[in-house]
């Protein structure tokens, strides 16, 4: 029997190495794939789009905030991976009554690296997990950040406009790019207006590809309303997926810094 404490302070006990894992977190699903756990992962969500072959072949147990309890019961998991922000709190509380649920709570790169190593420890893939964490650490250490800090806003939603505030993983990524998040003094994901951008002397506006799918037409529509403020599309997975995809993030950020 092994005991593990998750990132929300909850403790779970596993009788052995898990053989039937359900992941309710897209970025952690991709991590499980990178750890070589193809035969072990039995369930994912409909938002777990990477890798594509898992998305097409694994049982989907609903969305991140509307999991199907019957599908989960049918899969008889011996470990469920969840996330404090991405999953519904009441559903996770309900699942804990029947299954070991390890919940991540990630707002910084350090938190992501700890999660990766702990998932490796729980699934007996510690060596592979440590290698991924080391790769991420080294790539961030050599990343080319902005030479001159620019005041940035990062939008995640439209109608109403919502931005990444402080105490978010996105905020940590923006800071590592060498930028200043103009909404760092606001909690989580505040509703903002275009006037707020002007009042805060926004130097560039990033439109994320997720959760709202900002595309070129959205950027084109905003540019006349924000004269003098560059409006740039951003890959939301690079800014908010805190699993093995972080290995590609520093290279993407370096290119985006040059573009902005």
Foldseek 3Di string as FASTA:
>chain_A
DDWDAAAVRDIDDAPAAWQEEAELAQLVVLQCVLLVNPRRYAEYACPNCPPVVCNVPHHHQYHQADGNPVVVVVSPTQEYEHEPPRYDPVVVVVVVVPHHYHYAYDAELVSLLVVLQVVCVSNVSNVSSVVLSVLLVVLLVPFDAAPDAFEEWEFADVPFTKTAEASHLLCNLCVSNVYHDLRPVDPGIDGDDPVVCVVSVHQEYEYECPPPHDDDVNLVVCDVVNDNYHYYYDHNCLRHSSHSCSSCNRVVSNVVSVVD
